PDB file of N, CA and C in Angstrom:
ATOM      1  N   MET A   1       1.244  -0.785   0.191  1.00  0.00           N
ATOM      2  CA  MET A   1       0.315   0.533   0.068  1.00  0.00           C
ATOM      3  C   MET A   1       0.921   0.858   0.003  1.00  0.00           C
ATOM      4  N   SER A   2       0.761   2.182  -0.599  1.00  0.00           N
ATOM      5  CA  SER A   2       1.596   3.643  -1.137  1.00  0.00           C
ATOM      6  C   SER A   2       0.670   4.589  -0.821  1.00  0.00           C
ATOM      7  N   LEU A   3       0.719   5.648  -0.149  1.00  0.00           N
ATOM      8  CA  LEU A   3       0.110   6.627   0.224  1.00  0.00           C
ATOM      9  C   LEU A   3       0.303   7.677  -0.378  1.00  0.00           C
ATOM     10  N   SER A   4      -0.830   8.300  -0.457  1.00  0.00           N
ATOM     11  CA  SER A   4      -1.603   8.911  -1.733  1.00  0.00           C
ATOM     12  C   SER A   4      -0.837  10.656  -1.461  1.00  0.00           C
ATOM     13  N   LYS A   5      -0.425  11.410  -2.377  1.00  0.00           N
ATOM     14  CA  LYS A   5      -0.196  12.765  -1.858  1.00  0.00           C
ATOM     15  C   LYS A   5      -1.341  13.199  -0.802  1.00  0.00           C
ATOM     16  N   GLU A   6      -2.366  13.241  -1.287  1.00  0.00           N
ATOM     17  CA  GLU A   6      -3.052  13.926  -0.064  1.00  0.00           C
ATOM     18  C   GLU A   6      -3.202  13.373   1.111  1.00  0.00           C
ATOM     19  N   LEU A   7      -2.859  12.480   0.887  1.00  0.00           N
ATOM     20  CA  LEU A   7      -2.847  11.282   2.541  1.00  0.00           C
ATOM     21  C   LEU A   7      -1.347  12.207   3.179  1.00  0.00           C
ATOM     22  N   ILE A   8      -0.287  11.990   2.189  1.00  0.00           N
ATOM     23  CA  ILE A   8       0.900  12.614   3.100  1.00  0.00           C
ATOM     24  C   ILE A   8       1.050  14.038   3.291  1.00  0.00           C
ATOM     25  N   ASN A   9      -0.385  14.940   2.591  1.00  0.00           N
ATOM     26  CA  ASN A   9       0.092  16.192   3.222  1.00  0.00           C
ATOM     27  C   ASN A   9      -1.195  16.209   4.762  1.00  0.00           C
ATOM     28  N   GLU A  10      -1.893  15.716   4.659  1.00  0.00           N
ATOM     29  CA  GLU A  10      -2.451  15.248   5.977  1.00  0.00           C
ATOM     30  C   GLU A  10      -1.520  14.695   6.662  1.00  0.00           C
ATOM     31  N   ILE A  11      -0.946  14.110   6.732  1.00  0.00           N
ATOM     32  CA  ILE A  11      -0.142  13.480   8.256  1.00  0.00           C
ATOM     33  C   ILE A  11       1.318  15.065   8.725  1.00  0.00           C
ATOM     34  N   ASP A  12       1.610  15.524   7.717  1.00  0.00           N
ATOM     35  CA  ASP A  12       2.475  16.537   7.149  1.00  0.00           C
ATOM     36  C   ASP A  12       2.074  17.831   7.866  1.00  0.00           C
ATOM     37  N   LEU A  13       0.485  17.567   8.208  1.00  0.00           N
ATOM     38  CA  LEU A  13      -0.025  18.788   8.909  1.00  0.00           C
ATOM     39  C   LEU A  13      -0.373  19.012   9.917  1.00  0.00           C
ATOM     40  N   LEU A  14      -0.679  17.142  10.476  1.00  0.00           N
ATOM     41  CA  LEU A  14      -0.983  16.815  11.624  1.00  0.00           C
ATOM     42  C   LEU A  14       0.734  16.472  12.290  1.00  0.00           C
ATOM     43  N   MET A  15       1.510  16.557  11.542  1.00  0.00           N
ATOM     44  CA  MET A  15       2.570  16.576  12.483  1.00  0.00           C
ATOM     45  C   MET A  15       3.171  17.785  12.780  1.00  0.00           C
ATOM     46  N   LYS A  16       2.900  18.904  12.558  1.00  0.00           N
ATOM     47  CA  LYS A  16       2.923  20.287  12.298  1.00  0.00           C
ATOM     48  C   LYS A  16       2.729  21.061  14.135  1.00  0.00           C
ATOM     49  N   PHE A  17       1.579  20.097  14.291  1.00  0.00           N
ATOM     50  CA  PHE A  17       0.665  20.391  15.835  1.00  0.00           C
ATOM     51  C   PHE A  17       2.021  20.247  16.874  1.00  0.00           C
ATOM     52  N   ASP A  18       1.579  21.479  17.525  1.00  0.00           N
ATOM     53  CA  ASP A  18       2.513  21.278  19.310  1.00  0.00           C
ATOM     54  C   ASP A  18       1.185  20.401  19.795  1.00  0.00           C
ATOM     55  N   LEU A  19       2.063  18.950  20.797  1.00  0.00           N
ATOM     56  CA  LEU A  19       0.830  18.387  21.829  1.00  0.00           C
ATOM     57  C   LEU A  19       0.698  18.757  23.291  1.00  0.00           C
ATOM     58  N   SER A  20       1.613  19.953  23.195  1.00  0.00           N
ATOM     59  CA  SER A  20       2.740  20.161  25.026  1.00  0.00           C
ATOM     60  C   SER A  20       0.763  20.824  25.103  1.00  0.00           C
ATOM     61  N   SER A  21       0.439  21.245  24.574  1.00  0.00           N
ATOM     62  CA  SER A  21      -1.157  21.931  25.646  1.00  0.00           C
ATOM     63  C   SER A  21      -1.901  21.806  24.058  1.00  0.00           C
ATOM     64  N   ALA A  22      -3.512  21.372  24.610  1.00  0.00           N
ATOM     65  CA  ALA A  22      -4.050  21.041  23.979  1.00  0.00           C
ATOM     66  C   ALA A  22      -4.892  22.479  23.145  1.00  0.00           C
ATOM     67  N   ARG A  23      -4.332  23.870  23.571  1.00  0.00           N
ATOM     68  CA  ARG A  23      -4.867  24.567  23.043  1.00  0.00           C
ATOM     69  C   ARG A  23      -3.581  25.658  22.485  1.00  0.00           C
ATOM     70  N   VAL A  24      -2.893  24.741  21.368  1.00  0.00           N
ATOM     71  CA  VAL A  24      -1.860  25.099  20.660  1.00  0.00           C
ATOM     72  C   VAL A  24      -2.581  24.602  19.587  1.00  0.00           C
ATOM     73  N   GLY A  25      -2.986  25.797  18.534  1.00  0.00           N
ATOM     74  CA  GLY A  25      -3.182  25.507  16.884  1.00  0.00           C
ATOM     75  C   GLY A  25      -2.112  25.676  16.500  1.00  0.00           C
ATOM     76  N   LEU A  26      -3.542  25.267  14.795  1.00  0.00           N
ATOM     77  CA  LEU A  26      -2.872  26.001  13.358  1.00  0.00           C
ATOM     78  C   LEU A  26      -3.483  27.064  13.069  1.00  0.00           C
ATOM     79  N   LYS A  27      -2.842  27.637  12.342  1.00  0.00           N
ATOM     80  CA  LYS A  27      -3.211  28.206  11.305  1.00  0.00           C
ATOM     81  C   LYS A  27      -3.184  28.412   9.721  1.00  0.00           C
ATOM     82  N   VAL A  28      -4.277  27.864   9.188  1.00  0.00           N
ATOM     83  CA  VAL A  28      -3.427  27.769   7.551  1.00  0.00           C
ATOM     84  C   VAL A  28      -4.118  28.573   6.701  1.00  0.00           C
ATOM     85  N   HIS A  29      -3.377  29.955   6.199  1.00  0.00           N
ATOM     86  CA  HIS A  29      -4.032  31.151   5.634  1.00  0.00           C
ATOM     87  C   HIS A  29      -4.241  30.675   4.326  1.00  0.00           C
ATOM     88  N   SER A  30      -5.026  31.949   3.802  1.00  0.00           N
ATOM     89  CA  SER A  30      -5.365  31.730   2.656  1.00  0.00           C
ATOM     90  C   SER A  30      -4.628  31.651   1.703  1.00  0.00           C
ATOM     91  N   ASN A  31      -3.134  32.057   1.790  1.00  0.00           N
ATOM     92  CA  ASN A  31      -2.319  32.499   0.318  1.00  0.00           C
ATOM     93  C   ASN A  31      -0.905  31.076   0.623  1.00  0.00           C
ATOM     94  N   ALA A  32      -1.397  30.114   1.563  1.00  0.00           N
ATOM     95  CA  ALA A  32      -0.978  28.585   1.765  1.00  0.00           C
ATOM     96  C   ALA A  32      -0.656  27.949   0.615  1.00  0.00           C
ATOM     97  N   ASP A  33      -0.051  27.159   0.453  1.00  0.00           N
ATOM     98  CA  ASP A  33       0.535  25.967  -0.724  1.00  0.00           C
ATOM     99  C   ASP A  33      -1.391  25.439  -0.703  1.00  0.00           C
ATOM    100  N   PRO A  34      -2.016  25.807  -2.200  1.00  0.00           N
ATOM    101  CA  PRO A  34      -3.501  24.791  -2.184  1.00  0.00           C
ATOM    102  C   PRO A  34      -3.448  23.910  -1.484  1.00  0.00           C
ATOM    103  N   ASP A  35      -2.543  22.925  -1.462  1.00  0.00           N
ATOM    104  CA  ASP A  35      -2.608  21.303  -1.519  1.00  0.00           C
ATOM    105  C   ASP A  35      -2.699  21.267   0.219  1.00  0.00           C
ATOM    106  N   ILE A  36      -1.721  22.034   0.885  1.00  0.00           N
ATOM    107  CA  ILE A  36      -2.304  22.723   2.108  1.00  0.00           C
ATOM    108  C   ILE A  36      -3.431  22.974   2.773  1.00  0.00           C
ATOM    109  N   ILE A  37      -3.741  23.938   2.283  1.00  0.00           N
ATOM    110  CA  ILE A  37      -5.700  24.230   2.226  1.00  0.00           C
ATOM    111  C   ILE A  37      -6.471  23.153   2.343  1.00  0.00           C
ATOM    112  N   ALA A  38      -5.954  22.227   1.512  1.00  0.00           N
ATOM    113  CA  ALA A  38      -7.065  21.158   1.030  1.00  0.00           C
ATOM    114  C   ALA A  38      -6.522  20.513   2.276  1.00  0.00           C
ATOM    115  N   ALA A  39      -5.475  20.023   2.036  1.00  0.00           N
ATOM    116  CA  ALA A  39      -5.212  19.052   3.339  1.00  0.00           C
ATOM    117  C   ALA A  39      -5.842  19.172   4.520  1.00  0.00           C
ATOM    118  N   ALA A  40      -5.910  20.881   5.231  1.00  0.00           N
ATOM    119  CA  ALA A  40      -6.804  21.057   6.752  1.00  0.00           C
ATOM    120  C   ALA A  40      -8.152  20.711   6.120  1.00  0.00           C
ATOM    121  N   LYS A  41      -9.011  21.234   4.880  1.00  0.00           N
ATOM    122  CA  LYS A  41     -10.240  20.951   5.077  1.00  0.00           C
ATOM    123  C   LYS A  41     -10.452  19.640   4.565  1.00  0.00           C
ATOM    124  N   ARG A  42      -9.702  18.933   4.316  1.00  0.00           N
ATOM    125  CA  ARG A  42     -10.219  17.581   4.848  1.00  0.00           C
ATOM    126  C   ARG A  42      -9.256  16.690   6.418  1.00  0.00           C
ATOM    127  N   LEU A  43      -9.384  17.639   6.380  1.00  0.00           N
ATOM    128  CA  LEU A  43      -8.800  17.103   8.337  1.00  0.00           C
ATOM    129  C   LEU A  43     -10.267  16.994   8.675  1.00  0.00           C
ATOM    130  N   TYR A  44     -10.800  18.573   8.640  1.00  0.00           N
ATOM    131  CA  TYR A  44     -11.462  19.015   9.549  1.00  0.00           C
ATOM    132  C   TYR A  44     -13.228  18.511   8.686  1.00  0.00           C
ATOM    133  N   VAL A  45     -13.007  17.561   8.338  1.00  0.00           N
ATOM    134  CA  VAL A  45     -14.210  16.486   7.227  1.00  0.00           C
ATOM    135  C   VAL A  45     -14.020  15.527   7.826  1.00  0.00           C
ATOM    136  N   LYS A  46     -12.620  15.215   8.172  1.00  0.00           N
ATOM    137  CA  LYS A  46     -12.330  13.757   9.135  1.00  0.00           C
ATOM    138  C   LYS A  46     -12.782  14.001  10.357  1.00  0.00           C
ATOM    139  N   GLU A  47     -12.780  15.267  10.475  1.00  0.00           N
ATOM    140  CA  GLU A  47     -12.907  15.562  12.570  1.00  0.00           C
ATOM    141  C   GLU A  47     -11.814  15.733  13.473  1.00  0.00           C
ATOM    142  N   LEU A  48     -11.033  15.926  12.607  1.00  0.00           N
ATOM    143  CA  LEU A  48      -9.757  15.762  12.885  1.00  0.00           C
ATOM    144  C   LEU A  48      -8.964  16.959  13.880  1.00  0.00           C
ATOM    145  N   VAL A  49      -9.590  18.592  12.878  1.00  0.00           N
ATOM    146  CA  VAL A  49      -8.951  19.428  13.204  1.00  0.00           C
ATOM    147  C   VAL A  49     -11.348  20.486  13.233  1.00  0.00           C
ATOM    148  N   GLU A  50     -11.250  21.981  14.374  1.00  0.00           N
ATOM    149  CA  GLU A  50     -12.427  22.184  14.510  1.00  0.00           C
ATOM    150  C   GLU A  50     -12.563  22.968  13.540  1.00  0.00           C
ATOM    151  N   HIS A  51     -11.869  23.236  13.094  1.00  0.00           N
ATOM    152  CA  HIS A  51     -12.079  24.847  11.671  1.00  0.00           C
ATOM    153  C   HIS A  51     -11.592  24.361  10.158  1.00  0.00           C
ATOM    154  N   GLU A  52     -11.794  24.703   9.365  1.00  0.00           N
ATOM    155  CA  GLU A  52     -11.114  23.918   8.174  1.00  0.00           C
ATOM    156  C   GLU A  52     -10.051  24.898   7.461  1.00  0.00           C
ATOM    157  N   ASP A  53     -10.418  25.658   7.944  1.00  0.00           N
ATOM    158  CA  ASP A  53      -8.246  26.110   7.617  1.00  0.00           C
ATOM    159  C   ASP A  53      -7.561  26.195   9.338  1.00  0.00           C
ATOM    160  N   GLY A  54      -7.551  24.324   9.797  1.00  0.00           N
ATOM    161  CA  GLY A  54      -6.630  24.223  10.932  1.00  0.00           C
ATOM    162  C   GLY A  54      -7.772  24.107  12.462  1.00  0.00           C
ATOM    163  N   GLY A  55      -6.975  25.281  13.374  1.00  0.00           N
ATOM    164  CA  GLY A  55      -7.561  25.525  14.638  1.00  0.00           C
ATOM    165  C   GLY A  55      -6.771  24.737  15.688  1.00  0.00           C
ATOM    166  N   PHE A  56      -7.575  23.965  16.644  1.00  0.00           N
ATOM    167  CA  PHE A  56      -7.052  23.450  16.704  1.00  0.00           C
ATOM    168  C   PHE A  56      -7.653  22.032  16.726  1.00  0.00           C
ATOM    169  N   LEU A  57      -6.767  20.648  17.619  1.00  0.00           N
ATOM    170  CA  LEU A  57      -6.966  19.499  17.635  1.00  0.00           C
ATOM    171  C   LEU A  57      -8.347  19.214  17.639  1.00  0.00           C
ATOM    172  N   THR A  58      -9.439  17.981  17.684  1.00  0.00           N
ATOM    173  CA  THR A  58     -10.177  17.847  18.117  1.00  0.00           C
ATOM    174  C   THR A  58      -9.390  16.142  18.782  1.00  0.00           C
ATOM    175  N   THR A  59      -9.986  16.234  19.833  1.00  0.00           N
ATOM    176  CA  THR A  59      -9.758  14.978  20.518  1.00  0.00           C
ATOM    177  C   THR A  59      -8.965  13.499  19.443  1.00  0.00           C
ATOM    178  N   LEU A  60      -9.873  13.006  18.446  1.00  0.00           N
ATOM    179  CA  LEU A  60      -9.341  12.249  17.418  1.00  0.00           C
ATOM    180  C   LEU A  60      -8.009  12.696  16.823  1.00  0.00           C
ATOM    181  N   GLY A  61      -8.635  14.189  16.616  1.00  0.00           N
ATOM    182  CA  GLY A  61      -7.492  14.692  15.925  1.00  0.00           C
ATOM    183  C   GLY A  61      -5.923  14.612  17.158  1.00  0.00           C
ATOM    184  N   HIS A  62      -5.688  14.928  17.964  1.00  0.00           N
ATOM    185  CA  HIS A  62      -5.107  14.468  18.815  1.00  0.00           C
ATOM    186  C   HIS A  62      -4.115  13.176  19.453  1.00  0.00           C
ATOM    187  N   GLU A  63      -5.695  12.415  19.145  1.00  0.00           N
ATOM    188  CA  GLU A  63      -4.712  11.221  19.430  1.00  0.00           C
ATOM    189  C   GLU A  63      -3.597  10.534  18.435  1.00  0.00           C
ATOM    190  N   ALA A  64      -4.750  11.159  16.497  1.00  0.00           N
ATOM    191  CA  ALA A  64      -3.839  10.299  15.760  1.00  0.00           C
ATOM    192  C   ALA A  64      -2.912  11.292  15.673  1.00  0.00           C
ATOM    193  N   ALA A  65      -2.718  12.790  15.988  1.00  0.00           N
ATOM    194  CA  ALA A  65      -1.100  13.456  16.154  1.00  0.00           C
ATOM    195  C   ALA A  65      -0.017  12.733  17.022  1.00  0.00           C
ATOM    196  N   GLU A  66      -0.826  12.214  17.602  1.00  0.00           N
ATOM    197  CA  GLU A  66      -0.030  11.872  19.057  1.00  0.00           C
ATOM    198  C   GLU A  66       0.791  10.315  18.475  1.00  0.00           C
ATOM    199  N   HIS A  67      -0.150   9.511  17.822  1.00  0.00           N
ATOM    200  CA  HIS A  67       0.122   8.752  16.871  1.00  0.00           C
ATOM    201  C   HIS A  67       1.718   7.868  16.248  1.00  0.00           C
ATOM    202  N   LEU A  68       1.129   9.502  14.880  1.00  0.00           N
ATOM    203  CA  LEU A  68       1.940   9.950  14.065  1.00  0.00           C
ATOM    204  C   LEU A  68       3.330  10.410  14.289  1.00  0.00           C
ATOM    205  N   GLN A  69       3.312  10.718  14.972  1.00  0.00           N
ATOM    206  CA  GLN A  69       5.066  11.254  15.838  1.00  0.00           C
ATOM    207  C   GLN A  69       5.775  10.185  17.012  1.00  0.00           C
ATOM    208  N   ALA A  70       4.866   8.947  17.072  1.00  0.00           N
ATOM    209  CA  ALA A  70       5.448   8.106  18.104  1.00  0.00           C
ATOM    210  C   ALA A  70       5.713   7.234  16.864  1.00  0.00           C
ATOM    211  N   ALA A  71       4.935   7.297  15.704  1.00  0.00           N
ATOM    212  CA  ALA A  71       5.428   6.227  14.662  1.00  0.00           C
ATOM    213  C   ALA A  71       6.949   7.245  14.047  1.00  0.00           C
ATOM    214  N   LYS A  72       6.498   8.478  14.266  1.00  0.00           N
ATOM    215  CA  LYS A  72       8.339   9.093  13.717  1.00  0.00           C
ATOM    216  C   LYS A  72       9.379   8.819  14.156  1.00  0.00           C
ATOM    217  N   VAL A  73       8.623   8.722  15.491  1.00  0.00           N
ATOM    218  CA  VAL A  73      10.294   8.232  16.469  1.00  0.00           C
ATOM    219  C   VAL A  73      10.821   7.416  16.437  1.00  0.00           C
ATOM    220  N   ILE A  74       9.782   6.396  16.593  1.00  0.00           N
ATOM    221  CA  ILE A  74      10.166   4.571  15.789  1.00  0.00           C
ATOM    222  C   ILE A  74      10.872   4.532  14.683  1.00  0.00           C
ATOM    223  N   LEU A  75      10.063   4.849  13.884  1.00  0.00           N
ATOM    224  CA  LEU A  75      10.503   4.320  12.604  1.00  0.00           C
ATOM    225  C   LEU A  75      12.086   5.360  12.554  1.00  0.00           C
ATOM    226  N   SER A  76      12.793   6.853  13.132  1.00  0.00           N
ATOM    227  CA  SER A  76      13.558   7.543  12.900  1.00  0.00           C
ATOM    228  C   SER A  76      14.597   6.590  13.633  1.00  0.00           C
ATOM    229  N   GLY A  77      14.199   5.861  14.301  1.00  0.00           N
ATOM    230  CA  GLY A  77      15.476   4.853  15.298  1.00  0.00           C
ATOM    231  C   GLY A  77      16.100   5.822  16.343  1.00  0.00           C
ATOM    232  N   VAL A  78      15.398   6.749  16.598  1.00  0.00           N
ATOM    233  CA  VAL A  78      15.562   7.881  17.857  1.00  0.00           C
ATOM    234  C   VAL A  78      15.374   6.423  19.033  1.00  0.00           C
ATOM    235  N   LYS A  79      16.213   6.680  20.468  1.00  0.00           N
ATOM    236  CA  LYS A  79      15.651   6.080  21.783  1.00  0.00           C
ATOM    237  C   LYS A  79      15.358   7.425  22.805  1.00  0.00           C
TER     238      LYS A  79
END
C-alpha cells in the first residue's frame, strides 16, 4: 500500500501540531499552498481539526497526531 499525495499532506499537517498543550493550534492562511489548504479542509471533514483552516485538534485529531509523532520516533530509530 502506498500513500497518496493527499494523505501525505494530511500527515505532514498533523505532524506540525504542538501536542504540549490542547490549546495550541495551527492556522492555514488563505495564501498558503493550495495542497495544504485542501489537506486542512480534509482534516476538518474527518473531524480531526475544529475548523476548515486548521485551528485546534479535536480529541480524535490529538490522538492521531500522537500516534504519527510516535511512529516518526520509532521509524527514525531515536531512543
